[in-house]
Amino acid sequence: MDESAKLTAQVLLDFYANAADARDQLDEDKAFDDAFTGLEEAGAFTVEVDDDDEVQLDVTPLLLGTTVTLQWLIGQLAKAVDYTEEEILFDLRTFIERLETE
């Protein structure tokens, strides 16, 4: 894992903590803005436009940072509640499916 992915994982954790502590919409907006700025600074993604105006987007550090964070969290949760990781992923997918969309 490179430094960008590690920094990205830290930004994601900070985003969670700040959003969880938000007292109102202004706090939530600040948490989001700070996270986006942090992701940019961490190099979580790069955007390049070539001579033909084609956009190349690389989100490798974002995916690696997210994946390692989820792997650790799901592993710890599985141990704590005596579920398999597959059972936790199924429950998480079910939870996500139930979320309201705009």
C-alpha atoms as a PDB file:
ATOM      1  CA  MET A   1       0.000   0.000   0.000  1.00  0.00           C
ATOM      2  CA  ASP A   2       1.423   3.382  -0.892  1.00  0.00           C
ATOM      3  CA  GLU A   3       1.386   6.555   1.184  1.00  0.00           C
ATOM      4  CA  SER A   4      -1.586   8.039  -0.714  1.00  0.00           C
ATOM      5  CA  ALA A   5      -3.747   5.035   0.143  1.00  0.00           C
ATOM      6  CA  LYS A   6      -2.708   5.204   3.802  1.00  0.00           C
ATOM      7  CA  LEU A   7      -3.486   8.920   3.990  1.00  0.00           C
ATOM      8  CA  THR A   8      -6.783   8.294   2.213  1.00  0.00           C
ATOM      9  CA  ALA A   9      -7.772   5.717   4.836  1.00  0.00           C
ATOM     10  CA  GLN A  10      -7.027   8.268   7.576  1.00  0.00           C
ATOM     11  CA  VAL A  11      -9.148  10.911   5.810  1.00  0.00           C
ATOM     12  CA  LEU A  12     -12.040   8.456   5.558  1.00  0.00           C
ATOM     13  CA  LEU A  13     -11.824   7.728   9.280  1.00  0.00           C
ATOM     14  CA  ASP A  14     -11.717  11.457  10.048  1.00  0.00           C
ATOM     15  CA  PHE A  15     -14.747  11.966   7.830  1.00  0.00           C
ATOM     16  CA  TYR A  16     -16.678   9.312   9.715  1.00  0.00           C
ATOM     17  CA  ALA A  17     -15.724  10.777  13.095  1.00  0.00           C
ATOM     18  CA  ASN A  18     -16.584  14.333  12.076  1.00  0.00           C
ATOM     19  CA  ALA A  19     -19.878  13.350  10.462  1.00  0.00           C
ATOM     20  CA  ALA A  20     -20.848  11.236  13.477  1.00  0.00           C
ATOM     21  CA  ASP A  21     -20.185  14.197  15.790  1.00  0.00           C
ATOM     22  CA  ALA A  22     -22.066  16.686  13.598  1.00  0.00           C
ATOM     23  CA  ARG A  23     -24.635  18.681  15.534  1.00  0.00           C
ATOM     24  CA  ASP A  24     -26.387  20.177  12.523  1.00  0.00           C
ATOM     25  CA  GLN A  25     -26.338  20.486   8.741  1.00  0.00           C
ATOM     26  CA  LEU A  26     -23.503  23.030   8.852  1.00  0.00           C
ATOM     27  CA  ASP A  27     -21.314  20.546  10.738  1.00  0.00           C
ATOM     28  CA  GLU A  28     -22.218  17.800   8.262  1.00  0.00           C
ATOM     29  CA  ASP A  29     -21.384  20.070   5.329  1.00  0.00           C
ATOM     30  CA  LYS A  30     -18.046  20.991   6.924  1.00  0.00           C
ATOM     31  CA  ALA A  31     -17.223  17.318   7.508  1.00  0.00           C
ATOM     32  CA  PHE A  32     -17.913  16.590   3.842  1.00  0.00           C
ATOM     33  CA  ASP A  33     -15.920  19.596   2.600  1.00  0.00           C
ATOM     34  CA  ASP A  34     -12.986  18.779   4.878  1.00  0.00           C
ATOM     35  CA  ALA A  35     -13.027  15.160   3.709  1.00  0.00           C
ATOM     36  CA  PHE A  36     -13.059  16.129   0.049  1.00  0.00           C
ATOM     37  CA  THR A  37     -10.162  18.527   0.593  1.00  0.00           C
ATOM     38  CA  GLY A  38      -8.314  15.853   2.561  1.00  0.00           C
ATOM     39  CA  LEU A  39      -8.849  13.296  -0.208  1.00  0.00           C
ATOM     40  CA  GLU A  40      -7.457  15.738  -2.756  1.00  0.00           C
ATOM     41  CA  GLU A  41      -4.434  16.483  -0.567  1.00  0.00           C
ATOM     42  CA  ALA A  42      -3.839  12.782   0.117  1.00  0.00           C
ATOM     43  CA  GLY A  43      -3.771  12.039  -3.596  1.00  0.00           C
ATOM     44  CA  ALA A  44      -6.766   9.726  -3.283  1.00  0.00           C
ATOM     45  CA  PHE A  45      -7.549  10.358  -6.923  1.00  0.00           C
ATOM     46  CA  THR A  46      -5.923  11.999  -9.904  1.00  0.00           C
ATOM     47  CA  VAL A  47      -7.539  13.454 -12.974  1.00  0.00           C
ATOM     48  CA  GLU A  48      -5.643  14.016 -16.196  1.00  0.00           C
ATOM     49  CA  VAL A  49      -6.835  15.369 -19.513  1.00  0.00           C
ATOM     50  CA  ASP A  50      -4.865  14.285 -22.558  1.00  0.00           C
ATOM     51  CA  ASP A  51      -4.313  16.180 -25.802  1.00  0.00           C
ATOM     52  CA  ASP A  52      -7.594  14.794 -27.197  1.00  0.00           C
ATOM     53  CA  ASP A  53      -9.519  16.131 -24.172  1.00  0.00           C
ATOM     54  CA  GLU A  54     -10.069  12.610 -22.896  1.00  0.00           C
ATOM     55  CA  VAL A  55     -10.257  12.433 -19.121  1.00  0.00           C
ATOM     56  CA  GLN A  56      -8.281   9.804 -17.256  1.00  0.00           C
ATOM     57  CA  LEU A  57      -9.343   9.191 -13.663  1.00  0.00           C
ATOM     58  CA  ASP A  58      -7.236   7.108 -11.278  1.00  0.00           C
ATOM     59  CA  VAL A  59      -8.926   6.237  -7.974  1.00  0.00           C
ATOM     60  CA  THR A  60      -6.522   3.457  -6.956  1.00  0.00           C
ATOM     61  CA  PRO A  61      -5.500   5.064  -3.629  1.00  0.00           C
ATOM     62  CA  LEU A  62      -9.174   5.704  -2.801  1.00  0.00           C
ATOM     63  CA  LEU A  63     -10.106   2.078  -3.467  1.00  0.00           C
ATOM     64  CA  LEU A  64      -7.096   0.720  -1.562  1.00  0.00           C
ATOM     65  CA  GLY A  65      -7.677   3.012   1.430  1.00  0.00           C
ATOM     66  CA  THR A  66     -11.346   2.104   1.536  1.00  0.00           C
ATOM     67  CA  THR A  67     -10.738  -1.606   1.118  1.00  0.00           C
ATOM     68  CA  VAL A  68      -8.112  -1.933   3.831  1.00  0.00           C
ATOM     69  CA  THR A  69     -10.335   0.028   6.221  1.00  0.00           C
ATOM     70  CA  LEU A  70     -13.363  -2.147   5.500  1.00  0.00           C
ATOM     71  CA  GLN A  71     -11.331  -5.356   5.731  1.00  0.00           C
ATOM     72  CA  TRP A  72     -10.061  -4.419   9.164  1.00  0.00           C
ATOM     73  CA  LEU A  73     -13.433  -3.235  10.457  1.00  0.00           C
ATOM     74  CA  ILE A  74     -15.339  -6.244   9.150  1.00  0.00           C
ATOM     75  CA  GLY A  75     -12.710  -8.604  10.550  1.00  0.00           C
ATOM     76  CA  GLN A  76     -12.878  -6.981  13.985  1.00  0.00           C
ATOM     77  CA  LEU A  77     -16.678  -6.986  13.967  1.00  0.00           C
ATOM     78  CA  ALA A  78     -16.800 -10.637  12.931  1.00  0.00           C
ATOM     79  CA  LYS A  79     -14.576 -11.572  15.873  1.00  0.00           C
ATOM     80  CA  ALA A  80     -16.569  -9.452  18.324  1.00  0.00           C
ATOM     81  CA  VAL A  81     -20.023 -10.768  17.424  1.00  0.00           C
ATOM     82  CA  ASP A  82     -19.081 -14.309  16.360  1.00  0.00           C
ATOM     83  CA  TYR A  83     -20.375 -13.861  12.810  1.00  0.00           C
ATOM     84  CA  THR A  84     -18.541 -14.798   9.667  1.00  0.00           C
ATOM     85  CA  GLU A  85     -17.332 -11.991   7.467  1.00  0.00           C
ATOM     86  CA  GLU A  86     -19.782 -13.227   4.831  1.00  0.00           C
ATOM     87  CA  GLU A  87     -22.699 -12.847   7.265  1.00  0.00           C
ATOM     88  CA  ILE A  88     -21.619  -9.306   8.091  1.00  0.00           C
ATOM     89  CA  LEU A  89     -21.300  -8.408   4.412  1.00  0.00           C
ATOM     90  CA  PHE A  90     -24.773  -9.833   3.765  1.00  0.00           C
ATOM     91  CA  ASP A  91     -26.226  -7.778   6.627  1.00  0.00           C
ATOM     92  CA  LEU A  92     -24.406  -4.679   5.404  1.00  0.00           C
ATOM     93  CA  ARG A  93     -25.713  -5.167   1.867  1.00  0.00           C
ATOM     94  CA  THR A  94     -29.232  -5.575   3.278  1.00  0.00           C
ATOM     95  CA  PHE A  95     -28.826  -2.371   5.288  1.00  0.00           C
ATOM     96  CA  ILE A  96     -27.602  -0.471   2.209  1.00  0.00           C
ATOM     97  CA  GLU A  97     -30.515  -1.771   0.124  1.00  0.00           C
ATOM     98  CA  ARG A  98     -32.959  -0.378   2.699  1.00  0.00           C
ATOM     99  CA  LEU A  99     -31.486   3.134   2.654  1.00  0.00           C
ATOM    100  CA  GLU A 100     -33.702   5.741   1.137  1.00  0.00           C
ATOM    101  CA  THR A 101     -32.539   7.303  -2.086  1.00  0.00           C
ATOM    102  CA  GLU A 102     -33.303  10.707  -3.462  1.00  0.00           C
END
